[in-house]
Amino acid sequence: MTYTPEQVQREQRMRAEAEAGFTDYPGFVGWVLCPAREKCPAGLRGAFKPLANGRLPMHRSTFGTPCPGAHKKPNTAPLQLRPAATPAP
């Protein structure tokens, strides 16, 4: 699948926001990003719920190749909701 430049920029922007520790989606609070980045089959936005030991679950490509970031400790903080912007007086 080929992405347009706008889709690539959007994905990179979302990854940068997630690496800063913030998300706009309440369902992803507490999740972490895969440290494999571009090599992850889930893509740059691949977020996972950490296992009880703090490591990432196993995830694979569609061809069965394991991700290099599987079973590793994440290098980003768990995601949290972006703080609400305060209106200017």
N, C-alpha and C. Protein backbone atom coordinates (compact mmCIF):
# COMPACT_ATOMS: atom_id res chain seq x y z
N MET A 1 0.84 -1.18 0.00
CA MET A 1 0.00 0.00 0.00
C MET A 1 0.89 1.23 0.00
N THR A 2 0.59 2.14 -0.88
CA THR A 2 1.36 3.37 -1.00
C THR A 2 0.59 4.51 -0.35
N TYR A 3 1.29 5.27 0.47
CA TYR A 3 0.69 6.40 1.14
C TYR A 3 0.99 7.69 0.40
N THR A 4 0.07 8.63 0.47
CA THR A 4 0.31 9.95 -0.10
C THR A 4 1.22 10.71 0.85
N PRO A 5 1.88 11.76 0.38
CA PRO A 5 2.73 12.55 1.28
C PRO A 5 1.96 13.12 2.48
N GLU A 6 0.70 13.46 2.28
CA GLU A 6 -0.10 13.98 3.39
C GLU A 6 -0.33 12.91 4.45
N GLN A 7 -0.58 11.67 4.02
CA GLN A 7 -0.78 10.57 4.97
C GLN A 7 0.51 10.28 5.74
N VAL A 8 1.63 10.34 5.06
CA VAL A 8 2.92 10.10 5.71
C VAL A 8 3.19 11.19 6.75
N GLN A 9 2.93 12.45 6.39
CA GLN A 9 3.12 13.56 7.33
C GLN A 9 2.21 13.42 8.54
N ARG A 10 0.97 13.02 8.31
CA ARG A 10 0.02 12.85 9.41
C ARG A 10 0.48 11.74 10.35
N GLU A 11 0.95 10.64 9.78
CA GLU A 11 1.43 9.53 10.61
C GLU A 11 2.66 9.95 11.41
N GLN A 12 3.58 10.68 10.80
CA GLN A 12 4.77 11.15 11.50
C GLN A 12 4.40 12.14 12.60
N ARG A 13 3.41 13.00 12.36
CA ARG A 13 2.96 13.97 13.36
C ARG A 13 2.34 13.24 14.55
N MET A 14 1.50 12.23 14.26
CA MET A 14 0.87 11.48 15.33
C MET A 14 1.92 10.72 16.14
N ARG A 15 2.95 10.19 15.50
CA ARG A 15 4.02 9.49 16.21
C ARG A 15 4.78 10.48 17.11
N ALA A 16 5.07 11.67 16.60
CA ALA A 16 5.78 12.67 17.41
C ALA A 16 4.96 13.07 18.63
N GLU A 17 3.64 13.24 18.46
CA GLU A 17 2.78 13.58 19.59
C GLU A 17 2.76 12.44 20.60
N ALA A 18 2.70 11.21 20.12
CA ALA A 18 2.68 10.06 21.02
C ALA A 18 4.02 9.89 21.73
N GLU A 19 5.12 10.17 21.04
CA GLU A 19 6.43 10.10 21.70
C GLU A 19 6.56 11.15 22.79
N ALA A 20 5.84 12.26 22.64
CA ALA A 20 5.81 13.28 23.68
C ALA A 20 4.95 12.83 24.86
N GLY A 21 4.19 11.73 24.68
CA GLY A 21 3.41 11.17 25.77
C GLY A 21 1.93 11.51 25.75
N PHE A 22 1.44 12.07 24.67
CA PHE A 22 0.05 12.51 24.63
C PHE A 22 -0.73 11.85 23.49
N THR A 23 -2.03 11.68 23.74
CA THR A 23 -2.95 11.16 22.74
C THR A 23 -4.27 11.90 22.86
N ASP A 24 -5.02 11.89 21.79
CA ASP A 24 -6.36 12.49 21.79
C ASP A 24 -7.44 11.44 21.99
N TYR A 25 -7.05 10.18 22.10
CA TYR A 25 -7.99 9.08 22.17
C TYR A 25 -7.97 8.44 23.56
N PRO A 26 -9.08 8.53 24.31
CA PRO A 26 -9.10 7.97 25.68
C PRO A 26 -8.81 6.47 25.73
N GLY A 27 -9.10 5.75 24.69
CA GLY A 27 -8.87 4.31 24.68
C GLY A 27 -7.40 3.93 24.71
N PHE A 28 -6.51 4.86 24.38
CA PHE A 28 -5.08 4.57 24.33
C PHE A 28 -4.32 5.05 25.57
N VAL A 29 -5.02 5.55 26.55
CA VAL A 29 -4.36 6.00 27.78
C VAL A 29 -3.72 4.79 28.46
N GLY A 30 -2.44 4.90 28.82
CA GLY A 30 -1.70 3.82 29.46
C GLY A 30 -0.97 2.92 28.48
N TRP A 31 -1.21 3.06 27.20
CA TRP A 31 -0.53 2.24 26.20
C TRP A 31 0.84 2.85 25.90
N VAL A 32 1.71 2.06 25.27
CA VAL A 32 3.06 2.52 24.92
C VAL A 32 3.32 2.24 23.45
N LEU A 33 4.33 2.90 22.91
CA LEU A 33 4.70 2.72 21.51
C LEU A 33 5.79 1.66 21.37
N CYS A 34 5.79 1.01 20.23
CA CYS A 34 6.80 0.00 19.94
C CYS A 34 8.14 0.70 19.68
N PRO A 35 9.23 0.22 20.30
CA PRO A 35 10.52 0.87 20.08
C PRO A 35 11.13 0.57 18.70
N ALA A 36 10.54 -0.33 17.93
CA ALA A 36 11.11 -0.67 16.62
C ALA A 36 10.85 0.40 15.57
N ARG A 37 9.96 1.34 15.84
CA ARG A 37 9.61 2.45 14.95
C ARG A 37 9.24 1.97 13.54
N GLU A 38 10.01 2.32 12.52
CA GLU A 38 9.67 1.99 11.13
C GLU A 38 9.69 0.50 10.86
N LYS A 39 10.43 -0.27 11.63
CA LYS A 39 10.52 -1.71 11.41
C LYS A 39 9.32 -2.47 11.97
N CYS A 40 8.49 -1.80 12.77
CA CYS A 40 7.34 -2.46 13.38
C CYS A 40 6.26 -2.70 12.33
N PRO A 41 5.70 -3.90 12.26
CA PRO A 41 4.64 -4.15 11.28
C PRO A 41 3.38 -3.34 11.55
N ALA A 42 3.20 -2.83 12.76
CA ALA A 42 2.04 -2.00 13.07
C ALA A 42 2.23 -0.56 12.60
N GLY A 43 3.41 -0.22 12.15
CA GLY A 43 3.67 1.12 11.65
C GLY A 43 4.12 2.07 12.75
N LEU A 44 4.30 3.31 12.39
CA LEU A 44 4.79 4.31 13.34
C LEU A 44 3.81 4.56 14.47
N ARG A 45 2.53 4.35 14.20
CA ARG A 45 1.53 4.61 15.23
C ARG A 45 1.20 3.36 16.04
N GLY A 46 1.98 2.32 15.94
CA GLY A 46 1.71 1.07 16.65
C GLY A 46 1.78 1.26 18.15
N ALA A 47 0.64 1.24 18.82
CA ALA A 47 0.58 1.37 20.27
C ALA A 47 0.06 0.05 20.84
N PHE A 48 0.61 -0.33 21.99
CA PHE A 48 0.27 -1.61 22.60
C PHE A 48 0.05 -1.43 24.09
N LYS A 49 -0.83 -2.26 24.63
CA LYS A 49 -1.02 -2.29 26.07
C LYS A 49 0.10 -3.15 26.64
N PRO A 50 0.92 -2.59 27.54
CA PRO A 50 2.03 -3.39 28.06
C PRO A 50 1.57 -4.57 28.88
N LEU A 51 2.39 -5.62 28.89
CA LEU A 51 2.11 -6.81 29.68
C LEU A 51 2.37 -6.50 31.16
N ALA A 52 2.05 -7.43 32.03
CA ALA A 52 2.23 -7.24 33.47
C ALA A 52 3.69 -6.99 33.84
N ASN A 53 4.64 -7.52 33.06
CA ASN A 53 6.05 -7.32 33.36
C ASN A 53 6.60 -6.03 32.74
N GLY A 54 5.74 -5.22 32.11
CA GLY A 54 6.15 -3.95 31.53
C GLY A 54 6.67 -4.04 30.11
N ARG A 55 6.74 -5.23 29.56
CA ARG A 55 7.24 -5.40 28.20
C ARG A 55 6.09 -5.41 27.19
N LEU A 56 6.44 -5.30 25.93
CA LEU A 56 5.43 -5.30 24.87
C LEU A 56 5.00 -6.72 24.54
N PRO A 57 3.76 -6.90 24.09
CA PRO A 57 3.32 -8.23 23.67
C PRO A 57 3.95 -8.59 22.32
N MET A 58 3.86 -9.87 21.98
CA MET A 58 4.34 -10.33 20.68
C MET A 58 3.43 -9.76 19.60
N HIS A 59 4.01 -9.22 18.57
CA HIS A 59 3.25 -8.80 17.40
C HIS A 59 4.09 -9.10 16.17
N ARG A 60 3.41 -9.49 15.11
CA ARG A 60 4.07 -9.98 13.90
C ARG A 60 3.56 -9.27 12.66
N SER A 61 4.31 -9.43 11.59
CA SER A 61 3.85 -8.96 10.29
C SER A 61 2.81 -9.93 9.76
N THR A 62 2.17 -9.59 8.68
CA THR A 62 1.17 -10.47 8.10
C THR A 62 1.80 -11.77 7.58
N PHE A 63 3.11 -11.78 7.38
CA PHE A 63 3.79 -12.98 6.90
C PHE A 63 4.37 -13.80 8.05
N GLY A 64 4.12 -13.41 9.29
CA GLY A 64 4.55 -14.18 10.44
C GLY A 64 5.91 -13.81 11.01
N THR A 65 6.58 -12.84 10.43
CA THR A 65 7.88 -12.43 10.94
C THR A 65 7.68 -11.62 12.22
N PRO A 66 8.32 -12.00 13.33
CA PRO A 66 8.13 -11.25 14.57
C PRO A 66 8.74 -9.84 14.48
N CYS A 67 8.11 -8.92 15.14
CA CYS A 67 8.61 -7.55 15.19
C CYS A 67 9.87 -7.50 16.05
N PRO A 68 10.87 -6.72 15.66
CA PRO A 68 12.07 -6.61 16.49
C PRO A 68 11.81 -5.96 17.85
N GLY A 69 10.68 -5.28 18.01
CA GLY A 69 10.35 -4.65 19.28
C GLY A 69 9.51 -5.51 20.20
N ALA A 70 9.13 -6.70 19.75
CA ALA A 70 8.29 -7.58 20.56
C ALA A 70 9.06 -8.07 21.78
N HIS A 71 8.38 -8.14 22.90
CA HIS A 71 8.93 -8.58 24.19
C HIS A 71 10.03 -7.68 24.73
N LYS A 72 10.14 -6.46 24.22
CA LYS A 72 11.13 -5.51 24.71
C LYS A 72 10.44 -4.46 25.58
N LYS A 73 11.21 -3.78 26.40
CA LYS A 73 10.67 -2.70 27.20
C LYS A 73 10.49 -1.47 26.31
N PRO A 74 9.39 -0.76 26.46
CA PRO A 74 9.18 0.44 25.64
C PRO A 74 10.13 1.55 26.04
N ASN A 75 10.44 2.42 25.09
CA ASN A 75 11.31 3.55 25.39
C ASN A 75 10.54 4.86 25.48
N THR A 76 9.22 4.78 25.53
CA THR A 76 8.38 5.96 25.71
C THR A 76 7.52 5.79 26.95
N ALA A 77 7.11 6.90 27.50
CA ALA A 77 6.23 6.87 28.67
C ALA A 77 4.83 6.44 28.24
N PRO A 78 4.04 5.86 29.15
CA PRO A 78 2.65 5.53 28.80
C PRO A 78 1.89 6.78 28.36
N LEU A 79 1.03 6.59 27.38
CA LEU A 79 0.27 7.72 26.84
C LEU A 79 -0.74 8.24 27.84
N GLN A 80 -0.97 9.54 27.80
CA GLN A 80 -2.00 10.17 28.61
C GLN A 80 -2.75 11.18 27.74
N LEU A 81 -3.93 11.53 28.19
CA LEU A 81 -4.74 12.47 27.41
C LEU A 81 -4.07 13.84 27.38
N ARG A 82 -4.20 14.48 26.26
CA ARG A 82 -3.66 15.82 26.09
C ARG A 82 -4.42 16.76 27.01
N PRO A 83 -3.73 17.63 27.75
CA PRO A 83 -4.44 18.56 28.62
C PRO A 83 -5.30 19.52 27.80
N ALA A 84 -6.43 19.86 28.36
CA ALA A 84 -7.35 20.77 27.67
C ALA A 84 -6.73 22.17 27.61
N ALA A 85 -6.86 22.78 26.46
CA ALA A 85 -6.33 24.13 26.29
C ALA A 85 -7.20 25.13 27.06
N THR A 86 -6.56 26.00 27.78
CA THR A 86 -7.31 27.02 28.51
C THR A 86 -7.59 28.19 27.58
N PRO A 87 -8.82 28.71 27.57
CA PRO A 87 -9.11 29.82 26.68
C PRO A 87 -8.40 31.10 27.13
N ALA A 88 -7.98 31.87 26.16
CA ALA A 88 -7.31 33.13 26.45
C ALA A 88 -8.32 34.16 26.94
N PRO A 89 -7.94 34.93 27.97
CA PRO A 89 -8.89 35.94 28.48
C PRO A 89 -9.03 37.13 27.59
